[in-house]
C-alpha atoms as a PDB file:
ATOM      1  CA  UNK A   1       2.454  -6.074   7.129  1.00  0.00           C
ATOM      2  CA  UNK A   2       6.070  -7.141   9.253  1.00  0.00           C
ATOM      3  CA  UNK A   3       6.055 -10.026   6.629  1.00  0.00           C
ATOM      4  CA  UNK A   4       5.633  -7.248   3.167  1.00  0.00           C
ATOM      5  CA  UNK A   5       8.183  -4.442   5.544  1.00  0.00           C
ATOM      6  CA  UNK A   6      11.404  -6.067   6.399  1.00  0.00           C
ATOM      7  CA  UNK A   7      11.642  -7.906   3.013  1.00  0.00           C
ATOM      8  CA  UNK A   8      10.792  -4.784   1.458  1.00  0.00           C
ATOM      9  CA  UNK A   9      13.744  -3.273   3.716  1.00  0.00           C
ATOM     10  CA  UNK A  10      16.272  -5.677   2.425  1.00  0.00           C
ATOM     11  CA  UNK A  11      14.905  -4.905  -1.060  1.00  0.00           C
ATOM     12  CA  UNK A  12      16.292  -1.434  -0.628  1.00  0.00           C
ATOM     13  CA  UNK A  13      19.879  -2.856  -0.102  1.00  0.00           C
ATOM     14  CA  UNK A  14      19.698  -5.600  -2.732  1.00  0.00           C
ATOM     15  CA  UNK A  15      18.866  -3.120  -5.458  1.00  0.00           C
ATOM     16  CA  UNK A  16      21.805  -1.008  -5.571  1.00  0.00           C
ATOM     17  CA  UNK A  17      24.019  -4.303  -5.378  1.00  0.00           C
ATOM     18  CA  UNK A  18      22.141  -5.796  -8.352  1.00  0.00           C
ATOM     19  CA  UNK A  19      22.661  -2.351 -10.712  1.00  0.00           C
ATOM     20  CA  UNK A  20      26.609  -2.189  -9.647  1.00  0.00           C
ATOM     21  CA  UNK A  21      27.136  -5.729 -10.435  1.00  0.00           C
ATOM     22  CA  UNK A  22      25.241  -5.257 -13.885  1.00  0.00           C
ATOM     23  CA  UNK A  23      27.391  -1.856 -14.474  1.00  0.00           C
ATOM     24  CA  UNK A  24      30.408  -3.915 -13.743  1.00  0.00           C
ATOM     25  CA  UNK A  25      29.507  -6.826 -15.475  1.00  0.00           C
ATOM     26  CA  UNK A  26      30.179  -8.956 -12.710  1.00  0.00           C
ATOM     27  CA  UNK A  27      27.862 -12.213 -14.413  1.00  0.00           C
ATOM     28  CA  UNK A  28      28.109 -14.674 -11.426  1.00  0.00           C
ATOM     29  CA  UNK A  29      27.595 -12.362  -8.783  1.00  0.00           C
ATOM     30  CA  UNK A  30      24.773 -10.677 -10.505  1.00  0.00           C
ATOM     31  CA  UNK A  31      22.485 -13.793 -10.990  1.00  0.00           C
ATOM     32  CA  UNK A  32      23.046 -15.097  -7.562  1.00  0.00           C
ATOM     33  CA  UNK A  33      22.178 -11.597  -5.927  1.00  0.00           C
ATOM     34  CA  UNK A  34      19.045 -11.557  -8.735  1.00  0.00           C
ATOM     35  CA  UNK A  35      18.100 -15.022  -7.714  1.00  0.00           C
ATOM     36  CA  UNK A  36      17.898 -13.833  -3.771  1.00  0.00           C
ATOM     37  CA  UNK A  37      16.398 -10.289  -5.153  1.00  0.00           C
ATOM     38  CA  UNK A  38      13.149 -11.981  -6.773  1.00  0.00           C
ATOM     39  CA  UNK A  39      12.775 -14.722  -3.860  1.00  0.00           C
ATOM     40  CA  UNK A  40      12.603 -11.629  -1.806  1.00  0.00           C
ATOM     41  CA  UNK A  41      10.142  -9.399  -3.548  1.00  0.00           C
ATOM     42  CA  UNK A  42       7.577 -12.119  -3.811  1.00  0.00           C
ATOM     43  CA  UNK A  43       7.720 -12.950  -0.583  1.00  0.00           C
ATOM     44  CA  UNK A  44       7.362  -9.244   0.217  1.00  0.00           C
ATOM     45  CA  UNK A  45       4.555  -8.433  -2.087  1.00  0.00           C
ATOM     46  CA  UNK A  46       3.257 -11.897  -0.744  1.00  0.00           C
ATOM     47  CA  UNK A  47       2.437 -10.354   2.811  1.00  0.00           C
ATOM     48  CA  UNK A  48       1.294  -7.362   1.047  1.00  0.00           C
ATOM     49  CA  UNK A  49      -1.340  -9.480  -0.665  1.00  0.00           C
ATOM     50  CA  UNK A  50      -2.684 -10.938   2.564  1.00  0.00           C
ATOM     51  CA  UNK A  51      -2.730  -7.701   4.601  1.00  0.00           C
ATOM     52  CA  UNK A  52      -4.919  -6.554   1.532  1.00  0.00           C
ATOM     53  CA  UNK A  53      -7.226  -9.717   1.663  1.00  0.00           C
ATOM     54  CA  UNK A  54      -7.379  -9.574   5.428  1.00  0.00           C
ATOM     55  CA  UNK A  55      -8.180  -6.068   5.471  1.00  0.00           C
ATOM     56  CA  UNK A  56     -11.673  -3.806   4.469  1.00  0.00           C
ATOM     57  CA  UNK A  57     -11.187  -0.870   2.198  1.00  0.00           C
ATOM     58  CA  UNK A  58     -12.121   1.155   5.409  1.00  0.00           C
ATOM     59  CA  UNK A  59     -10.327  -0.890   7.936  1.00  0.00           C
ATOM     60  CA  UNK A  60      -6.747   0.374   6.015  1.00  0.00           C
ATOM     61  CA  UNK A  61      -4.415   1.902   7.100  1.00  0.00           C
ATOM     62  CA  UNK A  62      -4.386   5.793   6.212  1.00  0.00           C
ATOM     63  CA  UNK A  63      -7.428   5.160   4.286  1.00  0.00           C
ATOM     64  CA  UNK A  64      -8.685   4.014   0.986  1.00  0.00           C
ATOM     65  CA  UNK A  65      -5.731   5.893  -0.916  1.00  0.00           C
ATOM     66  CA  UNK A  66      -3.125   3.441   0.580  1.00  0.00           C
ATOM     67  CA  UNK A  67      -5.004   0.392  -0.105  1.00  0.00           C
ATOM     68  CA  UNK A  68      -5.305   1.710  -3.871  1.00  0.00           C
ATOM     69  CA  UNK A  69      -1.907   2.459  -3.838  1.00  0.00           C
ATOM     70  CA  UNK A  70      -0.208  -0.918  -2.089  1.00  0.00           C
ATOM     71  CA  UNK A  71      -2.547  -2.854  -4.530  1.00  0.00           C
ATOM     72  CA  UNK A  72      -0.482  -1.056  -7.489  1.00  0.00           C
ATOM     73  CA  UNK A  73       2.613  -1.368  -6.129  1.00  0.00           C
ATOM     74  CA  UNK A  74       1.947  -5.103  -5.627  1.00  0.00           C
ATOM     75  CA  UNK A  75       0.634  -5.828  -9.005  1.00  0.00           C
ATOM     76  CA  UNK A  76       3.492  -3.842 -10.345  1.00  0.00           C
ATOM     77  CA  UNK A  77       6.440  -4.878  -8.922  1.00  0.00           C
ATOM     78  CA  UNK A  78       4.919  -8.888  -8.972  1.00  0.00           C
ATOM     79  CA  UNK A  79       4.736  -8.274 -12.804  1.00  0.00           C
ATOM     80  CA  UNK A  80       7.507  -6.091 -13.568  1.00  0.00           C
ATOM     81  CA  UNK A  81      10.303  -8.785 -11.529  1.00  0.00           C
ATOM     82  CA  UNK A  82       8.434 -11.834 -13.361  1.00  0.00           C
ATOM     83  CA  UNK A  83       9.080 -10.269 -17.063  1.00  0.00           C
ATOM     84  CA  UNK A  84      12.525  -9.293 -16.071  1.00  0.00           C
ATOM     85  CA  UNK A  85      13.240 -13.173 -15.244  1.00  0.00           C
ATOM     86  CA  UNK A  86      11.470 -14.234 -18.355  1.00  0.00           C
ATOM     87  CA  UNK A  87      13.647 -11.333 -20.021  1.00  0.00           C
ATOM     88  CA  UNK A  88      16.226 -12.735 -18.550  1.00  0.00           C
ATOM     89  CA  UNK A  89      15.955 -16.457 -19.491  1.00  0.00           C
ATOM     90  CA  UNK A  90      15.321 -15.402 -23.061  1.00  0.00           C
ATOM     91  CA  UNK A  91      18.234 -13.921 -23.276  1.00  0.00           C
ATOM     92  CA  UNK A  92      17.143  -9.975 -23.835  1.00  0.00           C
ATOM     93  CA  UNK A  93      19.875  -8.206 -21.673  1.00  0.00           C
ATOM     94  CA  UNK A  94      18.177  -4.761 -22.335  1.00  0.00           C
ATOM     95  CA  UNK A  95      14.744  -5.807 -21.688  1.00  0.00           C
ATOM     96  CA  UNK A  96      15.501  -7.356 -18.636  1.00  0.00           C
ATOM     97  CA  UNK A  97      17.227  -4.330 -17.445  1.00  0.00           C
ATOM     98  CA  UNK A  98      14.345  -2.252 -17.652  1.00  0.00           C
ATOM     99  CA  UNK A  99      11.760  -4.339 -16.300  1.00  0.00           C
ATOM    100  CA  UNK A 100      13.963  -4.389 -13.475  1.00  0.00           C
ATOM    101  CA  UNK A 101      14.614  -0.736 -12.573  1.00  0.00           C
ATOM    102  CA  UNK A 102      10.709  -0.377 -12.683  1.00  0.00           C
ATOM    103  CA  UNK A 103      10.657  -3.300 -10.291  1.00  0.00           C
ATOM    104  CA  UNK A 104      12.871  -0.984  -8.084  1.00  0.00           C
ATOM    105  CA  UNK A 105      11.504   2.287  -8.830  1.00  0.00           C
ATOM    106  CA  UNK A 106       7.942   0.446  -7.158  1.00  0.00           C
ATOM    107  CA  UNK A 107       9.555  -0.806  -4.218  1.00  0.00           C
ATOM    108  CA  UNK A 108      11.316   2.670  -4.059  1.00  0.00           C
ATOM    109  CA  UNK A 109       7.615   3.946  -3.952  1.00  0.00           C
ATOM    110  CA  UNK A 110       7.984   3.033  -0.062  1.00  0.00           C
ATOM    111  CA  UNK A 111      10.668   5.471   1.377  1.00  0.00           C
ATOM    112  CA  UNK A 112       9.949   8.041  -0.666  1.00  0.00           C
ATOM    113  CA  UNK A 113       5.973   7.997   0.414  1.00  0.00           C
ATOM    114  CA  UNK A 114       7.640   8.081   4.118  1.00  0.00           C
ATOM    115  CA  UNK A 115       9.217  11.051   3.040  1.00  0.00           C
ATOM    116  CA  UNK A 116       5.645  12.841   1.582  1.00  0.00           C
ATOM    117  CA  UNK A 117       3.902  12.434   4.380  1.00  0.00           C
ATOM    118  CA  UNK A 118       7.024  14.323   6.653  1.00  0.00           C
ATOM    119  CA  UNK A 119       7.097  16.995   3.817  1.00  0.00           C
ATOM    120  CA  UNK A 120       3.724  17.221   2.283  1.00  0.00           C
ATOM    121  CA  UNK A 121       1.617  18.823   5.396  1.00  0.00           C
ATOM    122  CA  UNK A 122       4.371  21.718   5.155  1.00  0.00           C
ATOM    123  CA  UNK A 123       3.612  22.409   1.956  1.00  0.00           C
ATOM    124  CA  UNK A 124      -0.107  22.011   2.000  1.00  0.00           C
ATOM    125  CA  UNK A 125      -1.269  22.146   5.144  1.00  0.00           C
ATOM    126  CA  UNK A 126      -4.511  21.464   5.903  1.00  0.00           C
ATOM    127  CA  UNK A 127      -5.128  18.184   4.325  1.00  0.00           C
ATOM    128  CA  UNK A 128      -6.206  15.197   5.446  1.00  0.00           C
ATOM    129  CA  UNK A 129      -3.912  12.158   5.317  1.00  0.00           C
ATOM    130  CA  UNK A 130      -6.072  10.374   2.824  1.00  0.00           C
ATOM    131  CA  UNK A 131      -5.692  13.486   0.588  1.00  0.00           C
ATOM    132  CA  UNK A 132      -1.873  13.742   1.579  1.00  0.00           C
ATOM    133  CA  UNK A 133      -1.671   9.895   0.538  1.00  0.00           C
ATOM    134  CA  UNK A 134      -3.451  10.685  -2.764  1.00  0.00           C
ATOM    135  CA  UNK A 135      -1.031  13.726  -3.707  1.00  0.00           C
ATOM    136  CA  UNK A 136       2.051  10.996  -2.796  1.00  0.00           C
ATOM    137  CA  UNK A 137       0.383   8.804  -5.118  1.00  0.00           C
ATOM    138  CA  UNK A 138       0.373  11.636  -8.111  1.00  0.00           C
ATOM    139  CA  UNK A 139       3.849  12.100  -7.384  1.00  0.00           C
ATOM    140  CA  UNK A 140       5.285   8.869  -7.004  1.00  0.00           C
ATOM    141  CA  UNK A 141       3.813   7.780  -9.933  1.00  0.00           C
ATOM    142  CA  UNK A 142       5.951  10.109 -11.993  1.00  0.00           C
ATOM    143  CA  UNK A 143       8.511   9.014 -10.154  1.00  0.00           C
ATOM    144  CA  UNK A 144       8.127   5.337 -10.671  1.00  0.00           C
ATOM    145  CA  UNK A 145       7.807   5.556 -14.710  1.00  0.00           C
ATOM    146  CA  UNK A 146       9.914   8.577 -15.619  1.00  0.00           C
ATOM    147  CA  UNK A 147      12.377   7.465 -12.959  1.00  0.00           C
ATOM    148  CA  UNK A 148      12.896   3.852 -14.391  1.00  0.00           C
ATOM    149  CA  UNK A 149      12.960   5.451 -17.941  1.00  0.00           C
ATOM    150  CA  UNK A 150      15.565   7.554 -17.326  1.00  0.00           C
ATOM    151  CA  UNK A 151      17.855   5.257 -15.547  1.00  0.00           C
ATOM    152  CA  UNK A 152      17.091   2.679 -18.439  1.00  0.00           C
ATOM    153  CA  UNK A 153      18.137   5.475 -21.007  1.00  0.00           C
ATOM    154  CA  UNK A 154      21.091   6.154 -18.909  1.00  0.00           C
ATOM    155  CA  UNK A 155      22.777   2.663 -19.025  1.00  0.00           C
ATOM    156  CA  UNK A 156      21.796   1.880 -22.646  1.00  0.00           C
ATOM    157  CA  UNK A 157      24.227   3.182 -24.853  1.00  0.00           C
ATOM    158  CA  UNK A 158      22.612   1.854 -28.288  1.00  0.00           C
ATOM    159  CA  UNK A 159      22.307   4.309 -30.981  1.00  0.00           C
ATOM    160  CA  UNK A 160      20.184   2.618 -32.647  1.00  0.00           C
ATOM    161  CA  UNK A 161      18.481  -0.886 -32.126  1.00  0.00           C
ATOM    162  CA  UNK A 162      18.121  -4.040 -34.285  1.00  0.00           C
ATOM    163  CA  UNK A 163      14.487  -4.308 -36.264  1.00  0.00           C
ATOM    164  CA  UNK A 164      13.219  -0.562 -35.094  1.00  0.00           C
ATOM    165  CA  UNK A 165      13.236   1.440 -38.832  1.00  0.00           C
ATOM    166  CA  UNK A 166      10.804   4.591 -38.764  1.00  0.00           C
ATOM    167  CA  UNK A 167       8.794   5.102 -35.513  1.00  0.00           C
ATOM    168  CA  UNK A 168       5.909   3.445 -33.919  1.00  0.00           C
ATOM    169  CA  UNK A 169       4.167   6.895 -33.490  1.00  0.00           C
ATOM    170  CA  UNK A 170       4.318   8.880 -36.461  1.00  0.00           C
ATOM    171  CA  UNK A 171       3.290  12.733 -35.964  1.00  0.00           C
ATOM    172  CA  UNK A 172      -0.531  11.654 -36.147  1.00  0.00           C
ATOM    173  CA  UNK A 173      -0.562   9.371 -33.377  1.00  0.00           C
ATOM    174  CA  UNK A 174       1.423  11.694 -31.775  1.00  0.00           C
ATOM    175  CA  UNK A 175      -1.106  14.736 -32.141  1.00  0.00           C
ATOM    176  CA  UNK A 176      -4.447  12.729 -31.640  1.00  0.00           C
ATOM    177  CA  UNK A 177      -2.347  11.266 -28.250  1.00  0.00           C
ATOM    178  CA  UNK A 178      -1.640  15.033 -27.209  1.00  0.00           C
ATOM    179  CA  UNK A 179      -5.526  15.770 -28.092  1.00  0.00           C
ATOM    180  CA  UNK A 180      -6.788  12.936 -25.776  1.00  0.00           C
ATOM    181  CA  UNK A 181      -4.639  13.787 -23.079  1.00  0.00           C
ATOM    182  CA  UNK A 182      -5.593  17.666 -23.430  1.00  0.00           C
ATOM    183  CA  UNK A 183      -9.523  16.143 -23.178  1.00  0.00           C
ATOM    184  CA  UNK A 184      -8.843  13.962 -20.056  1.00  0.00           C
ATOM    185  CA  UNK A 185      -6.755  16.807 -18.442  1.00  0.00           C
ATOM    186  CA  UNK A 186      -9.637  19.157 -18.636  1.00  0.00           C
ATOM    187  CA  UNK A 187     -12.115  16.425 -17.412  1.00  0.00           C
ATOM    188  CA  UNK A 188      -9.631  16.163 -14.082  1.00  0.00           C
ATOM    189  CA  UNK A 189      -9.404  19.705 -13.691  1.00  0.00           C
ATOM    190  CA  UNK A 190     -13.371  20.462 -13.656  1.00  0.00           C
ATOM    191  CA  UNK A 191     -13.740  17.206 -10.964  1.00  0.00           C
ATOM    192  CA  UNK A 192     -11.043  18.716  -8.941  1.00  0.00           C
ATOM    193  CA  UNK A 193     -11.842  22.605  -9.075  1.00  0.00           C
ATOM    194  CA  UNK A 194     -15.689  21.219  -8.181  1.00  0.00           C
ATOM    195  CA  UNK A 195     -14.207  20.098  -4.874  1.00  0.00           C
ATOM    196  CA  UNK A 196     -13.378  23.934  -3.850  1.00  0.00           C
ATOM    197  CA  UNK A 197     -10.280  24.783  -1.896  1.00  0.00           C
ATOM    198  CA  UNK A 198      -9.194  21.568  -1.317  1.00  0.00           C
ATOM    199  CA  UNK A 199      -9.654  20.215  -5.140  1.00  0.00           C
ATOM    200  CA  UNK A 200      -7.812  23.396  -6.235  1.00  0.00           C
ATOM    201  CA  UNK A 201      -4.813  22.174  -3.881  1.00  0.00           C
ATOM    202  CA  UNK A 202      -5.248  18.113  -5.744  1.00  0.00           C
ATOM    203  CA  UNK A 203      -4.833  19.792  -8.608  1.00  0.00           C
ATOM    204  CA  UNK A 204      -1.840  21.699  -8.678  1.00  0.00           C
ATOM    205  CA  UNK A 205       0.227  18.963  -6.876  1.00  0.00           C
ATOM    206  CA  UNK A 206      -1.576  16.408 -10.137  1.00  0.00           C
ATOM    207  CA  UNK A 207      -0.263  19.226 -12.858  1.00  0.00           C
ATOM    208  CA  UNK A 208       3.207  19.780 -11.601  1.00  0.00           C
ATOM    209  CA  UNK A 209       4.558  16.522 -11.536  1.00  0.00           C
ATOM    210  CA  UNK A 210       2.562  15.829 -14.782  1.00  0.00           C
ATOM    211  CA  UNK A 211       3.936  18.856 -16.356  1.00  0.00           C
ATOM    212  CA  UNK A 212       7.523  18.619 -15.233  1.00  0.00           C
ATOM    213  CA  UNK A 213       7.402  14.950 -16.477  1.00  0.00           C
ATOM    214  CA  UNK A 214       6.378  16.047 -19.963  1.00  0.00           C
ATOM    215  CA  UNK A 215       8.500  18.749 -20.640  1.00  0.00           C
ATOM    216  CA  UNK A 216      11.919  16.618 -19.719  1.00  0.00           C
ATOM    217  CA  UNK A 217      10.570  14.126 -21.986  1.00  0.00           C
ATOM    218  CA  UNK A 218       9.568  15.948 -24.360  1.00  0.00           C
ATOM    219  CA  UNK A 219      13.165  17.621 -24.254  1.00  0.00           C
ATOM    220  CA  UNK A 220      14.823  14.783 -24.105  1.00  0.00           C
ATOM    221  CA  UNK A 221      13.391  13.295 -27.688  1.00  0.00           C
ATOM    222  CA  UNK A 222      13.749  16.527 -29.212  1.00  0.00           C
ATOM    223  CA  UNK A 223      17.122  16.302 -28.717  1.00  0.00           C
ATOM    224  CA  UNK A 224      18.270  12.967 -29.410  1.00  0.00           C
ATOM    225  CA  UNK A 225      16.918  13.380 -33.189  1.00  0.00           C
ATOM    226  CA  UNK A 226      19.667  15.778 -34.297  1.00  0.00           C
ATOM    227  CA  UNK A 227      22.174  14.118 -32.392  1.00  0.00           C
ATOM    228  CA  UNK A 228      21.408  10.923 -34.374  1.00  0.00           C
ATOM    229  CA  UNK A 229      20.118   8.686 -31.515  1.00  0.00           C
ATOM    230  CA  UNK A 230      17.198   7.111 -33.258  1.00  0.00           C
ATOM    231  CA  UNK A 231      16.518   4.571 -30.792  1.00  0.00           C
ATOM    232  CA  UNK A 232      16.705   7.124 -27.496  1.00  0.00           C
ATOM    233  CA  UNK A 233      14.412   9.269 -29.330  1.00  0.00           C
ATOM    234  CA  UNK A 234      11.773   6.720 -30.373  1.00  0.00           C
ATOM    235  CA  UNK A 235      11.393   5.502 -26.550  1.00  0.00           C
ATOM    236  CA  UNK A 236      11.413   8.921 -25.394  1.00  0.00           C
ATOM    237  CA  UNK A 237       8.135   9.355 -27.935  1.00  0.00           C
ATOM    238  CA  UNK A 238       7.080   6.336 -27.473  1.00  0.00           C
ATOM    239  CA  UNK A 239       6.591   7.095 -23.812  1.00  0.00           C
ATOM    240  CA  UNK A 240       5.789  11.028 -24.541  1.00  0.00           C
ATOM    241  CA  UNK A 241       2.564   9.079 -26.415  1.00  0.00           C
ATOM    242  CA  UNK A 242       1.653   7.095 -23.545  1.00  0.00           C
ATOM    243  CA  UNK A 243       1.898   9.821 -20.721  1.00  0.00           C
ATOM    244  CA  UNK A 244      -0.513  11.923 -22.876  1.00  0.00           C
ATOM    245  CA  UNK A 245      -3.182   8.703 -22.852  1.00  0.00           C
ATOM    246  CA  UNK A 246      -2.459   8.452 -19.463  1.00  0.00           C
ATOM    247  CA  UNK A 247      -4.814  10.856 -17.735  1.00  0.00           C
ATOM    248  CA  UNK A 248      -7.379   9.206 -19.448  1.00  0.00           C
ATOM    249  CA  UNK A 249      -7.243   6.204 -17.540  1.00  0.00           C
ATOM    250  CA  UNK A 250      -9.124   8.747 -14.711  1.00  0.00           C
ATOM    251  CA  UNK A 251     -12.453   8.990 -16.914  1.00  0.00           C
ATOM    252  CA  UNK A 252     -14.872   6.506 -15.586  1.00  0.00           C
ATOM    253  CA  UNK A 253     -17.404   4.942 -18.381  1.00  0.00           C
ATOM    254  CA  UNK A 254     -19.869   6.993 -16.424  1.00  0.00           C
ATOM    255  CA  UNK A 255     -17.798  10.495 -16.830  1.00  0.00           C
ATOM    256  CA  UNK A 256     -20.862  11.343 -19.042  1.00  0.00           C
ATOM    257  CA  UNK A 257     -23.279  11.124 -16.712  1.00  0.00           C
ATOM    258  CA  UNK A 258     -24.587  14.037 -14.496  1.00  0.00           C
ATOM    259  CA  UNK A 259     -23.597  13.351 -10.813  1.00  0.00           C
ATOM    260  CA  UNK A 260     -25.283  14.314  -7.920  1.00  0.00           C
ATOM    261  CA  UNK A 261     -21.837  15.449  -6.310  1.00  0.00           C
ATOM    262  CA  UNK A 262     -18.121  15.121  -7.453  1.00  0.00           C
ATOM    263  CA  UNK A 263     -16.699  11.797  -6.446  1.00  0.00           C
ATOM    264  CA  UNK A 264     -12.785  11.463  -5.474  1.00  0.00           C
ATOM    265  CA  UNK A 265     -11.447   9.253  -8.049  1.00  0.00           C
ATOM    266  CA  UNK A 266      -7.599   7.949  -8.247  1.00  0.00           C
ATOM    267  CA  UNK A 267      -6.910   7.883 -11.653  1.00  0.00           C
ATOM    268  CA  UNK A 268      -4.331  10.256 -11.308  1.00  0.00           C
ATOM    269  CA  UNK A 269      -1.797   7.954 -10.494  1.00  0.00           C
ATOM    270  CA  UNK A 270      -2.189   6.613 -13.736  1.00  0.00           C
ATOM    271  CA  UNK A 271      -0.133   9.537 -14.697  1.00  0.00           C
ATOM    272  CA  UNK A 272       2.809   7.123 -14.111  1.00  0.00           C
ATOM    273  CA  UNK A 273       1.938   3.680 -13.416  1.00  0.00           C
ATOM    274  CA  UNK A 274       0.472   3.531 -16.799  1.00  0.00           C
ATOM    275  CA  UNK A 275       3.159   4.691 -18.573  1.00  0.00           C
ATOM    276  CA  UNK A 276       4.502   1.476 -20.678  1.00  0.00           C
ATOM    277  CA  UNK A 277       7.870  -0.079 -20.356  1.00  0.00           C
END
């Protein structure tokens, strides 16, 4: 964990330097810091991987929820920085920008999780540390994906994008995504409500960030249309459809089978981590 945490702290500083050099179009410093950033990500995530391999689920720090979150962040960070490198080498600057913002979003879960540990017991007293981690995962999922999306949309000033004609998410597809999401949310609500007061608090903690993210995406994509920003509208629309489908990842194939007692699942983390780039 030391091998994971120390380079991870350095990445918190390297990220803003990368962003500032990109905004100011300082190509050489951006490339140099980018190489250091990517190598540091791989070193930090290698430490996390070793921890996961050598530690059983029962011995994981703060319980199984923390282990699942760490594994998700590990995969997401490594894939996003790798695809970001490929995009830079292939000279796709906007795609490179999006992957790297997503990577930094994953990395920011570390300090944000510590803040959640301190704040959540005040708002949700009585929850165990593992339940607090579950709630934090729900929130951080939204922060990672939506934060990266909002940042990329702020930096991308294009009104249109080459090759984008019409929409990849026509109204019937968007309506179907909403229907699937509604069914999945109903299943999640039923599952949580079966856990009594604890489940009710977890359900509220899940629905609030989900609803806030949904409203923000819906408003942004509707505003972009009348303003003539077709690319912004399309990107917000794509992510809105993905957000609607994300709760479905919480539904295991065995959902239709009768169960003797409710079993906790960690699918709601997909509300953010499952959203596409």
